[in-house]
């Protein structure tokens, strides 16, 4: 099976974000393959996206060059609704695009967060 080159650089794309309320936002991933870190941001899209933020950037990540599995570890999301979410963001990297399909457990309530969509280089 062919190896997939590790991503490095800046990627953006549309994602659906949900925690009780659903929004369409633009995700930003700034991947530094030298230090195995990634900074994650949400902006644009719905005006409510400005109320969602990631605390603790940059995060460490792991990448499997055989399967394309890309996992951002120990993410903390400040949400517009009470409770926030924390956990890992899972994605698949195919060499040109991230496909994000992540569910993060809630921190202080019973509603998990979900992030689904894609991100590519500009």
Protein backbone atom coordinates (compact mmCIF):
# COMPACT_ATOMS: atom_id res chain seq x y z
CA UNK A 1 0.00 0.00 0.00
CA UNK A 2 1.32 3.44 -0.91
CA UNK A 3 2.35 5.83 1.83
CA UNK A 4 0.52 9.15 2.14
CA UNK A 5 2.75 12.20 2.65
CA UNK A 6 2.26 13.89 6.00
CA UNK A 7 0.32 17.17 5.78
CA UNK A 8 2.13 20.42 6.48
CA UNK A 9 0.85 23.96 6.04
CA UNK A 10 -2.45 25.79 6.34
CA UNK A 11 -5.81 24.27 5.43
CA UNK A 12 -9.35 25.71 5.47
CA UNK A 13 -12.79 24.33 4.80
CA UNK A 14 -16.45 24.29 5.69
CA UNK A 15 -17.58 22.29 8.70
CA UNK A 16 -20.84 21.73 10.49
CA UNK A 17 -20.43 22.22 14.24
CA UNK A 18 -23.05 21.11 16.73
CA UNK A 19 -23.59 21.20 20.49
CA UNK A 20 -27.29 21.58 21.01
CA UNK A 21 -27.24 24.32 18.35
CA UNK A 22 -25.90 23.73 14.84
CA UNK A 23 -23.69 26.12 12.89
CA UNK A 24 -21.79 26.16 9.61
CA UNK A 25 -18.28 27.51 10.18
CA UNK A 26 -14.92 27.67 8.44
CA UNK A 27 -12.25 25.59 10.16
CA UNK A 28 -8.58 26.51 9.99
CA UNK A 29 -5.82 23.95 10.53
CA UNK A 30 -2.23 25.14 10.66
CA UNK A 31 -0.15 21.93 10.64
CA UNK A 32 3.54 22.03 11.62
CA UNK A 33 4.94 18.62 10.67
CA UNK A 34 8.37 19.50 12.10
CA UNK A 35 7.03 19.80 15.67
CA UNK A 36 3.97 17.51 15.20
CA UNK A 37 1.64 20.31 16.30
CA UNK A 38 -1.49 21.83 14.81
CA UNK A 39 -3.40 25.02 15.64
CA UNK A 40 -7.16 24.81 15.15
CA UNK A 41 -9.58 27.73 14.69
CA UNK A 42 -13.21 28.31 13.75
CA UNK A 43 -14.35 31.48 12.03
CA UNK A 44 -16.59 32.92 9.32
CA UNK A 45 -19.76 31.13 8.36
CA UNK A 46 -22.52 31.77 10.89
CA UNK A 47 -22.08 34.87 13.08
CA UNK A 48 -22.27 32.50 16.05
CA UNK A 49 -18.97 30.84 15.03
CA UNK A 50 -17.22 33.75 16.72
CA UNK A 51 -18.52 32.38 20.05
CA UNK A 52 -16.74 29.04 19.54
CA UNK A 53 -13.03 28.82 20.29
CA UNK A 54 -10.23 26.35 20.90
CA UNK A 55 -8.22 26.78 24.13
CA UNK A 56 -4.67 25.50 24.39
CA UNK A 57 -3.42 25.86 20.80
CA UNK A 58 -1.27 24.40 19.40
CA UNK A 59 -2.17 20.75 19.98
CA UNK A 60 -0.12 17.63 19.37
CA UNK A 61 -1.25 15.27 16.64
CA UNK A 62 -0.56 11.77 15.38
CA UNK A 63 -0.58 10.69 11.74
CA UNK A 64 -0.65 7.23 10.17
CA UNK A 65 0.89 7.44 6.67
CA UNK A 66 -0.61 4.08 5.65
CA UNK A 67 -4.27 4.80 6.51
CA UNK A 68 -4.25 8.62 6.45
CA UNK A 69 -5.66 8.74 9.97
CA UNK A 70 -4.92 12.16 11.52
CA UNK A 71 -5.82 12.73 15.18
CA UNK A 72 -5.56 16.07 16.99
CA UNK A 73 -5.09 15.23 20.68
CA UNK A 74 -6.64 16.76 23.80
CA UNK A 75 -8.60 19.58 22.19
CA UNK A 76 -10.69 21.88 24.39
CA UNK A 77 -13.60 23.74 22.78
CA UNK A 78 -15.29 26.73 24.42
CA UNK A 79 -18.89 26.54 23.24
CA UNK A 80 -21.76 29.01 22.89
CA UNK A 81 -23.93 26.76 25.06
CA UNK A 82 -22.93 25.76 28.58
CA UNK A 83 -20.68 22.79 29.13
CA UNK A 84 -17.83 23.02 26.60
CA UNK A 85 -16.28 19.88 25.05
CA UNK A 86 -12.90 18.19 25.18
CA UNK A 87 -11.30 15.22 23.45
CA UNK A 88 -9.65 14.24 20.19
CA UNK A 89 -10.56 15.44 16.70
CA UNK A 90 -10.35 12.60 14.21
CA UNK A 91 -9.86 13.15 10.49
CA UNK A 92 -8.63 11.35 7.41
CA UNK A 93 -5.94 12.90 5.21
CA UNK A 94 -5.83 11.70 1.59
CA UNK A 95 -2.83 13.76 0.51
CA UNK A 96 -4.84 16.83 -0.54
CA UNK A 97 -7.84 17.08 1.81
CA UNK A 98 -8.84 16.44 5.42
CA UNK A 99 -12.20 14.75 5.96
CA UNK A 100 -13.20 15.59 9.52
CA UNK A 101 -15.71 13.46 11.40
CA UNK A 102 -15.28 14.04 15.12
CA UNK A 103 -17.38 13.72 18.23
CA UNK A 104 -16.00 15.28 21.41
CA UNK A 105 -17.35 14.39 24.85
CA UNK A 106 -18.98 17.13 26.95
CA UNK A 107 -17.06 18.67 29.85
CA UNK A 108 -19.87 19.82 32.18
CA UNK A 109 -23.20 18.60 30.77
CA UNK A 110 -24.60 15.77 28.68
CA UNK A 111 -24.37 17.24 25.15
CA UNK A 112 -21.41 16.17 23.05
CA UNK A 113 -19.92 18.30 20.29
CA UNK A 114 -19.60 17.21 16.70
CA UNK A 115 -17.48 18.63 13.88
CA UNK A 116 -17.95 17.34 10.34
CA UNK A 117 -16.62 18.63 7.03
CA UNK A 118 -13.49 19.05 4.95
CA UNK A 119 -10.40 21.25 4.82
CA UNK A 120 -7.92 21.78 1.96
CA UNK A 121 -4.98 24.04 1.17
CA UNK A 122 -6.02 27.42 -0.26
